[in-house]
N, C-alpha and C. Protein backbone atom coordinates (compact mmCIF):
# COMPACT_ATOMS: atom_id res chain seq x y z
N UNK A 1 -119.48 34.75 172.61
CA UNK A 1 -120.71 35.33 172.13
C UNK A 1 -120.50 35.90 170.73
N UNK A 2 -121.45 35.71 169.86
CA UNK A 2 -121.39 36.22 168.50
C UNK A 2 -122.06 37.59 168.47
N UNK A 3 -121.34 38.58 167.93
CA UNK A 3 -121.84 39.95 167.89
C UNK A 3 -121.99 40.43 166.46
N UNK A 4 -122.90 41.36 166.27
CA UNK A 4 -123.03 42.05 164.99
C UNK A 4 -121.87 43.02 164.85
N UNK A 5 -121.35 43.12 163.65
CA UNK A 5 -120.34 44.13 163.36
C UNK A 5 -121.07 45.38 162.88
N UNK A 6 -120.52 46.54 163.15
CA UNK A 6 -121.10 47.77 162.63
C UNK A 6 -120.88 47.81 161.12
N UNK A 7 -121.61 48.68 160.46
CA UNK A 7 -121.42 48.85 159.01
C UNK A 7 -119.98 49.27 158.72
N UNK A 8 -119.45 50.17 159.53
CA UNK A 8 -118.08 50.64 159.35
C UNK A 8 -117.07 49.50 159.51
N UNK A 9 -117.26 48.65 160.51
CA UNK A 9 -116.38 47.50 160.72
C UNK A 9 -116.47 46.52 159.54
N UNK A 10 -117.67 46.31 159.06
CA UNK A 10 -117.89 45.38 157.95
C UNK A 10 -117.23 45.88 156.67
N UNK A 11 -117.42 47.16 156.37
CA UNK A 11 -116.81 47.69 155.14
C UNK A 11 -115.29 47.75 155.25
N UNK A 12 -114.77 48.02 156.43
CA UNK A 12 -113.31 48.02 156.61
C UNK A 12 -112.76 46.61 156.39
N UNK A 13 -113.48 45.61 156.88
CA UNK A 13 -113.06 44.23 156.66
C UNK A 13 -113.07 43.89 155.18
N UNK A 14 -114.09 44.31 154.45
CA UNK A 14 -114.12 44.11 153.00
C UNK A 14 -112.95 44.80 152.32
N UNK A 15 -112.63 46.01 152.75
CA UNK A 15 -111.55 46.79 152.16
C UNK A 15 -110.18 46.16 152.43
N UNK A 16 -110.03 45.55 153.57
CA UNK A 16 -108.73 45.01 153.99
C UNK A 16 -108.43 43.60 153.48
N UNK A 17 -109.29 43.04 152.66
CA UNK A 17 -109.08 41.70 152.11
C UNK A 17 -109.14 41.75 150.58
N UNK A 18 -108.68 40.70 149.95
CA UNK A 18 -108.74 40.64 148.48
C UNK A 18 -109.12 39.26 147.95
N UNK A 19 -109.41 38.31 148.84
CA UNK A 19 -109.91 37.01 148.42
C UNK A 19 -111.21 36.73 149.16
N UNK A 20 -112.23 36.36 148.42
CA UNK A 20 -113.53 36.07 149.01
C UNK A 20 -114.19 34.93 148.27
N UNK A 21 -115.44 34.66 148.65
CA UNK A 21 -116.21 33.57 148.04
C UNK A 21 -117.46 34.16 147.39
N UNK A 22 -117.60 33.91 146.11
CA UNK A 22 -118.73 34.39 145.33
C UNK A 22 -119.75 33.26 145.19
N UNK A 23 -121.00 33.54 145.56
CA UNK A 23 -122.08 32.56 145.43
C UNK A 23 -123.03 33.03 144.34
N UNK A 24 -123.39 32.10 143.47
CA UNK A 24 -124.31 32.41 142.37
C UNK A 24 -125.15 31.18 142.07
N UNK A 25 -126.21 31.37 141.31
CA UNK A 25 -127.09 30.27 140.93
C UNK A 25 -126.94 29.96 139.45
N UNK A 26 -126.88 28.68 139.16
CA UNK A 26 -126.96 28.21 137.78
C UNK A 26 -128.18 27.30 137.74
N UNK A 27 -129.26 27.80 137.16
CA UNK A 27 -130.54 27.09 137.25
C UNK A 27 -130.98 27.09 138.70
N UNK A 28 -131.22 25.90 139.25
CA UNK A 28 -131.62 25.79 140.65
C UNK A 28 -130.46 25.38 141.55
N UNK A 29 -129.27 25.30 140.99
CA UNK A 29 -128.12 24.81 141.76
C UNK A 29 -127.23 25.96 142.19
N UNK A 30 -126.97 26.09 143.51
CA UNK A 30 -126.05 27.13 143.98
C UNK A 30 -124.60 26.68 143.83
N UNK A 31 -123.73 27.64 143.54
CA UNK A 31 -122.29 27.42 143.43
C UNK A 31 -121.58 28.47 144.27
N UNK A 32 -120.44 28.11 144.82
CA UNK A 32 -119.59 29.04 145.56
C UNK A 32 -118.17 28.84 145.07
N UNK A 33 -117.54 29.94 144.65
CA UNK A 33 -116.17 29.86 144.14
C UNK A 33 -115.32 30.97 144.77
N UNK A 34 -114.04 30.68 144.99
CA UNK A 34 -113.15 31.74 145.49
C UNK A 34 -112.80 32.71 144.35
N UNK A 35 -112.74 33.98 144.68
CA UNK A 35 -112.35 35.01 143.70
C UNK A 35 -111.47 36.05 144.37
N UNK A 36 -110.64 36.66 143.57
CA UNK A 36 -109.88 37.83 144.01
C UNK A 36 -110.75 39.04 143.71
N UNK A 37 -110.78 40.00 144.61
CA UNK A 37 -111.69 41.13 144.44
C UNK A 37 -111.08 42.41 145.00
N UNK A 38 -111.76 43.49 144.70
CA UNK A 38 -111.46 44.83 145.24
C UNK A 38 -112.79 45.43 145.66
N UNK A 39 -112.88 45.89 146.91
CA UNK A 39 -114.10 46.57 147.37
C UNK A 39 -113.91 48.07 147.17
N UNK A 40 -114.71 48.64 146.29
CA UNK A 40 -114.67 50.07 145.98
C UNK A 40 -115.63 50.79 146.93
N UNK A 41 -115.07 51.42 147.95
CA UNK A 41 -115.89 52.08 148.97
C UNK A 41 -116.69 53.24 148.39
N UNK A 42 -116.11 53.94 147.41
CA UNK A 42 -116.80 55.12 146.87
C UNK A 42 -118.06 54.74 146.10
N UNK A 43 -118.10 53.51 145.56
CA UNK A 43 -119.27 53.07 144.81
C UNK A 43 -120.05 51.96 145.50
N UNK A 44 -119.56 51.55 146.69
CA UNK A 44 -120.19 50.46 147.42
C UNK A 44 -120.39 49.26 146.50
N UNK A 45 -119.27 48.84 145.88
CA UNK A 45 -119.32 47.74 144.92
C UNK A 45 -118.07 46.88 145.02
N UNK A 46 -118.23 45.63 144.72
CA UNK A 46 -117.13 44.68 144.67
C UNK A 46 -116.75 44.51 143.20
N UNK A 47 -115.46 44.67 142.91
CA UNK A 47 -114.96 44.57 141.54
C UNK A 47 -114.15 43.29 141.42
N UNK A 48 -114.37 42.53 140.34
CA UNK A 48 -113.58 41.34 140.07
C UNK A 48 -113.55 41.11 138.56
N UNK A 49 -112.94 40.01 138.18
CA UNK A 49 -112.81 39.69 136.77
C UNK A 49 -112.86 38.19 136.60
N UNK A 50 -113.06 37.74 135.36
CA UNK A 50 -113.10 36.31 135.07
C UNK A 50 -112.95 36.11 133.58
N UNK A 51 -112.59 34.90 133.20
CA UNK A 51 -112.68 34.51 131.81
C UNK A 51 -114.11 34.10 131.52
N UNK A 52 -114.41 33.95 130.25
CA UNK A 52 -115.74 33.46 129.85
C UNK A 52 -115.89 32.04 130.37
N UNK A 53 -117.04 31.74 130.95
CA UNK A 53 -117.24 30.39 131.47
C UNK A 53 -118.53 30.25 132.26
N UNK A 54 -118.59 29.19 133.03
CA UNK A 54 -119.78 28.82 133.79
C UNK A 54 -120.29 29.95 134.68
N UNK A 55 -119.38 30.53 135.47
CA UNK A 55 -119.75 31.57 136.43
C UNK A 55 -120.35 32.79 135.73
N UNK A 56 -119.69 33.27 134.69
CA UNK A 56 -120.18 34.46 133.98
C UNK A 56 -121.52 34.17 133.30
N UNK A 57 -121.63 33.03 132.64
CA UNK A 57 -122.91 32.68 132.00
C UNK A 57 -124.04 32.61 133.02
N UNK A 58 -123.75 32.02 134.17
CA UNK A 58 -124.78 31.90 135.21
C UNK A 58 -125.19 33.27 135.74
N UNK A 59 -124.20 34.16 135.98
CA UNK A 59 -124.54 35.49 136.53
C UNK A 59 -125.23 36.37 135.50
N UNK A 60 -124.96 36.16 134.23
CA UNK A 60 -125.69 36.89 133.19
C UNK A 60 -127.17 36.49 133.20
N UNK A 61 -127.43 35.23 133.49
CA UNK A 61 -128.81 34.72 133.51
C UNK A 61 -129.55 35.08 134.79
N UNK A 62 -128.82 35.13 135.91
CA UNK A 62 -129.43 35.47 137.20
C UNK A 62 -128.45 36.39 137.94
N UNK A 63 -128.74 37.66 137.98
CA UNK A 63 -127.82 38.66 138.52
C UNK A 63 -127.73 38.68 140.04
N UNK A 64 -128.62 37.99 140.74
CA UNK A 64 -128.57 37.97 142.21
C UNK A 64 -127.42 37.10 142.67
N UNK A 65 -126.53 37.69 143.49
CA UNK A 65 -125.37 36.96 143.98
C UNK A 65 -125.15 37.27 145.46
N UNK A 66 -124.30 36.47 146.06
CA UNK A 66 -123.84 36.73 147.43
C UNK A 66 -122.33 36.64 147.42
N UNK A 67 -121.71 37.31 148.38
CA UNK A 67 -120.26 37.34 148.47
C UNK A 67 -119.91 37.29 149.94
N UNK A 68 -118.89 36.50 150.30
CA UNK A 68 -118.55 36.33 151.71
C UNK A 68 -117.04 36.30 151.88
N UNK A 69 -116.59 36.94 152.95
CA UNK A 69 -115.19 36.85 153.35
C UNK A 69 -115.15 36.52 154.84
N UNK A 70 -114.03 35.96 155.26
CA UNK A 70 -113.87 35.67 156.68
C UNK A 70 -112.42 35.85 157.08
N UNK A 71 -112.25 36.05 158.36
CA UNK A 71 -110.93 36.09 158.97
C UNK A 71 -111.05 35.23 160.22
N UNK A 72 -110.47 34.02 160.17
CA UNK A 72 -110.61 33.07 161.27
C UNK A 72 -109.25 32.87 161.93
N UNK A 73 -109.16 33.28 163.17
CA UNK A 73 -107.94 33.05 163.94
C UNK A 73 -108.08 31.79 164.80
N UNK A 74 -109.29 31.54 165.30
CA UNK A 74 -109.56 30.35 166.10
C UNK A 74 -111.07 30.16 166.17
N UNK A 75 -111.47 29.08 166.83
CA UNK A 75 -112.89 28.80 167.01
C UNK A 75 -113.61 29.92 167.74
N UNK A 76 -112.90 30.61 168.62
CA UNK A 76 -113.51 31.67 169.42
C UNK A 76 -113.08 33.08 169.01
N UNK A 77 -112.39 33.19 167.90
CA UNK A 77 -111.93 34.50 167.45
C UNK A 77 -111.99 34.55 165.92
N UNK A 78 -113.10 35.08 165.40
CA UNK A 78 -113.30 35.14 163.96
C UNK A 78 -114.24 36.28 163.59
N UNK A 79 -114.24 36.61 162.30
CA UNK A 79 -115.22 37.55 161.76
C UNK A 79 -115.61 37.10 160.37
N UNK A 80 -116.82 37.42 159.99
CA UNK A 80 -117.34 37.05 158.68
C UNK A 80 -118.23 38.18 158.18
N UNK A 81 -118.09 38.50 156.90
CA UNK A 81 -118.92 39.53 156.28
C UNK A 81 -119.62 38.91 155.07
N UNK A 82 -120.93 39.06 155.02
CA UNK A 82 -121.76 38.55 153.93
C UNK A 82 -122.37 39.73 153.19
N UNK A 83 -122.27 39.69 151.87
CA UNK A 83 -122.82 40.74 151.02
C UNK A 83 -123.86 40.13 150.10
N UNK A 84 -124.99 40.80 149.95
CA UNK A 84 -125.97 40.46 148.92
C UNK A 84 -125.91 41.57 147.89
N UNK A 85 -125.98 41.20 146.62
CA UNK A 85 -125.91 42.21 145.59
C UNK A 85 -126.30 41.69 144.23
N UNK A 86 -126.04 42.52 143.22
CA UNK A 86 -126.38 42.15 141.85
C UNK A 86 -125.16 42.27 140.94
N UNK A 87 -125.04 41.34 140.03
CA UNK A 87 -123.97 41.28 139.06
C UNK A 87 -124.19 42.31 137.95
N UNK A 88 -123.12 42.99 137.57
CA UNK A 88 -123.15 43.91 136.43
C UNK A 88 -121.85 43.75 135.65
N UNK A 89 -121.97 43.39 134.39
CA UNK A 89 -120.80 43.24 133.54
C UNK A 89 -120.37 44.62 133.05
N UNK A 90 -119.07 44.87 133.08
CA UNK A 90 -118.53 46.16 132.65
C UNK A 90 -117.85 45.99 131.30
N UNK A 91 -117.91 47.03 130.48
CA UNK A 91 -117.35 46.95 129.13
C UNK A 91 -116.54 48.19 128.80
N UNK A 92 -115.74 48.09 127.75
CA UNK A 92 -115.03 49.24 127.20
C UNK A 92 -114.10 49.92 128.17
N UNK A 93 -114.11 51.25 128.12
CA UNK A 93 -113.19 52.02 128.96
C UNK A 93 -113.51 51.86 130.45
N UNK A 94 -114.76 51.64 130.80
CA UNK A 94 -115.11 51.41 132.22
C UNK A 94 -114.45 50.12 132.70
N UNK A 95 -114.48 49.07 131.89
CA UNK A 95 -113.84 47.80 132.28
C UNK A 95 -112.35 48.00 132.47
N UNK A 96 -111.72 48.74 131.58
CA UNK A 96 -110.28 49.00 131.70
C UNK A 96 -109.96 49.77 132.98
N UNK A 97 -110.77 50.79 133.26
CA UNK A 97 -110.55 51.61 134.45
C UNK A 97 -110.69 50.77 135.72
N UNK A 98 -111.76 49.95 135.79
CA UNK A 98 -111.97 49.13 136.99
C UNK A 98 -110.91 48.03 137.12
N UNK A 99 -110.46 47.47 136.01
CA UNK A 99 -109.41 46.46 136.07
C UNK A 99 -108.12 47.07 136.60
N UNK A 100 -107.84 48.30 136.19
CA UNK A 100 -106.66 49.00 136.68
C UNK A 100 -106.78 49.26 138.19
N UNK A 101 -107.94 49.76 138.64
CA UNK A 101 -108.17 50.01 140.06
C UNK A 101 -108.04 48.71 140.85
N UNK A 102 -108.62 47.64 140.32
CA UNK A 102 -108.54 46.33 140.94
C UNK A 102 -107.08 45.91 141.12
N UNK A 103 -106.30 45.98 140.06
CA UNK A 103 -104.90 45.54 140.10
C UNK A 103 -104.11 46.37 141.11
N UNK A 104 -104.31 47.68 141.12
CA UNK A 104 -103.57 48.54 142.05
C UNK A 104 -103.92 48.21 143.49
N UNK A 105 -105.20 48.04 143.77
CA UNK A 105 -105.65 47.77 145.13
C UNK A 105 -105.11 46.43 145.63
N UNK A 106 -105.26 45.39 144.84
CA UNK A 106 -104.80 44.06 145.25
C UNK A 106 -103.28 44.06 145.42
N UNK A 107 -102.59 44.69 144.51
CA UNK A 107 -101.13 44.76 144.60
C UNK A 107 -100.70 45.47 145.89
N UNK A 108 -101.34 46.57 146.21
CA UNK A 108 -101.01 47.31 147.43
C UNK A 108 -101.31 46.50 148.68
N UNK A 109 -102.46 45.82 148.72
CA UNK A 109 -102.79 44.99 149.87
C UNK A 109 -101.82 43.84 150.05
N UNK A 110 -101.48 43.18 148.95
CA UNK A 110 -100.54 42.06 149.02
C UNK A 110 -99.19 42.52 149.57
N UNK A 111 -98.72 43.62 149.08
CA UNK A 111 -97.42 44.13 149.52
C UNK A 111 -97.45 44.57 150.98
N UNK A 112 -98.52 45.25 151.37
CA UNK A 112 -98.62 45.79 152.73
C UNK A 112 -98.87 44.71 153.78
N UNK A 113 -99.79 43.80 153.49
CA UNK A 113 -100.20 42.84 154.51
C UNK A 113 -99.33 41.60 154.60
N UNK A 114 -98.86 41.13 153.49
CA UNK A 114 -98.19 39.85 153.51
C UNK A 114 -96.75 39.90 153.02
N UNK A 115 -96.31 41.06 152.54
CA UNK A 115 -94.97 41.15 152.01
C UNK A 115 -94.77 40.25 150.81
N UNK A 116 -95.84 39.96 150.08
CA UNK A 116 -95.78 39.07 148.92
C UNK A 116 -95.24 39.82 147.72
N UNK A 117 -94.43 39.13 146.93
CA UNK A 117 -93.94 39.69 145.68
C UNK A 117 -95.14 39.88 144.75
N UNK A 118 -95.33 41.07 144.26
CA UNK A 118 -96.54 41.39 143.48
C UNK A 118 -96.32 41.31 141.98
N UNK A 119 -95.26 40.68 141.53
CA UNK A 119 -94.99 40.60 140.09
C UNK A 119 -96.12 39.89 139.34
N UNK A 120 -96.75 38.89 139.97
CA UNK A 120 -97.83 38.17 139.31
C UNK A 120 -98.99 39.09 138.97
N UNK A 121 -99.28 40.03 139.83
CA UNK A 121 -100.39 40.94 139.59
C UNK A 121 -100.05 41.95 138.50
N UNK A 122 -98.76 42.12 138.20
CA UNK A 122 -98.35 43.03 137.14
C UNK A 122 -98.87 42.59 135.77
N UNK A 123 -99.24 41.32 135.64
CA UNK A 123 -99.77 40.84 134.36
C UNK A 123 -101.05 41.58 133.98
N UNK A 124 -101.74 42.17 134.97
CA UNK A 124 -102.94 42.93 134.65
C UNK A 124 -102.61 44.15 133.79
N UNK A 125 -101.48 44.78 134.06
CA UNK A 125 -101.09 45.94 133.27
C UNK A 125 -100.94 45.58 131.81
N UNK A 126 -100.34 44.42 131.55
CA UNK A 126 -100.17 44.02 130.15
C UNK A 126 -101.51 43.69 129.52
N UNK A 127 -102.44 43.14 130.28
CA UNK A 127 -103.78 42.86 129.75
C UNK A 127 -104.50 44.16 129.40
N UNK A 128 -104.36 45.14 130.29
CA UNK A 128 -105.02 46.43 130.05
C UNK A 128 -104.46 47.09 128.80
N UNK A 129 -103.13 47.11 128.69
CA UNK A 129 -102.48 47.80 127.58
C UNK A 129 -102.59 47.05 126.26
N UNK A 130 -102.71 45.72 126.29
CA UNK A 130 -102.78 44.95 125.04
C UNK A 130 -104.18 44.92 124.46
N UNK A 131 -105.16 45.33 125.25
CA UNK A 131 -106.54 45.26 124.77
C UNK A 131 -107.16 43.90 125.01
N UNK A 132 -106.40 42.96 125.54
CA UNK A 132 -106.88 41.61 125.84
C UNK A 132 -107.45 41.60 127.26
N UNK A 133 -108.59 42.24 127.43
CA UNK A 133 -109.17 42.44 128.76
C UNK A 133 -110.09 41.28 129.11
N UNK A 134 -109.93 40.70 130.31
CA UNK A 134 -110.87 39.67 130.76
C UNK A 134 -112.24 40.32 131.01
N UNK A 135 -113.20 39.50 131.33
CA UNK A 135 -114.52 40.03 131.66
C UNK A 135 -114.44 40.64 133.06
N UNK A 136 -114.69 41.93 133.13
CA UNK A 136 -114.64 42.67 134.37
C UNK A 136 -116.08 42.88 134.83
N UNK A 137 -116.32 42.61 136.10
CA UNK A 137 -117.68 42.79 136.60
C UNK A 137 -117.69 43.45 137.96
N UNK A 138 -118.85 43.98 138.27
CA UNK A 138 -119.08 44.66 139.53
C UNK A 138 -120.26 43.99 140.22
N UNK A 139 -120.14 43.84 141.52
CA UNK A 139 -121.28 43.41 142.33
C UNK A 139 -121.77 44.66 143.05
N UNK A 140 -122.93 45.13 142.66
CA UNK A 140 -123.53 46.30 143.29
C UNK A 140 -124.13 45.85 144.61
N UNK A 141 -123.56 46.35 145.70
CA UNK A 141 -123.92 45.89 147.04
C UNK A 141 -125.29 46.42 147.45
N UNK A 142 -126.14 45.51 147.89
CA UNK A 142 -127.45 45.87 148.40
C UNK A 142 -127.50 45.79 149.92
N UNK A 143 -126.73 44.85 150.48
CA UNK A 143 -126.80 44.62 151.92
C UNK A 143 -125.47 44.04 152.39
N UNK A 144 -125.01 44.48 153.55
CA UNK A 144 -123.79 43.95 154.15
C UNK A 144 -124.12 43.52 155.58
N UNK A 145 -123.77 42.28 155.90
CA UNK A 145 -124.03 41.72 157.23
C UNK A 145 -122.71 41.21 157.79
N UNK A 146 -122.28 41.77 158.89
CA UNK A 146 -121.04 41.33 159.52
C UNK A 146 -121.30 40.73 160.88
N UNK A 147 -120.59 39.64 161.17
CA UNK A 147 -120.68 38.98 162.47
C UNK A 147 -119.26 38.68 162.94
N UNK A 148 -119.09 38.67 164.25
CA UNK A 148 -117.77 38.34 164.80
C UNK A 148 -117.92 37.66 166.15
N UNK A 149 -116.91 36.89 166.46
CA UNK A 149 -116.83 36.26 167.78
C UNK A 149 -115.43 36.51 168.29
N UNK A 150 -115.37 37.07 169.46
CA UNK A 150 -114.06 37.32 170.09
C UNK A 150 -114.09 36.72 171.49
N UNK A 151 -112.97 36.16 171.86
CA UNK A 151 -112.92 35.54 173.19
C UNK A 151 -112.45 36.52 174.24
């Protein structure tokens, strides 16, 4: 049976992951791409970054986006969280601050959950300090819908 997740369960699931799928529109065509993210519980926002390109141009033109994560163990044991929200590009010192928070959160999750060497994520520190900051954006969460199936 498929059950609704509580808001608390849904936000915990968002907090405990760092890879999700971002959906956006370019004209009338929907796109879905994987992104690394950080869910900021204090601001109820998803933080991520990107280089200049198709995704950023599309979200600048149409700020309505969706974001989805899942944890699938089997056909009868899974959870999925869907977020609806709006894109907001961050600039200046705010972008630096959020990029730093993003890097720290992802690095901590990688180390704690998977025992992964986090040296790759250290490159964010050099980006922050060099002034060569990627485009940092926030998805301001409007709605969170969680579903799960457990056997």
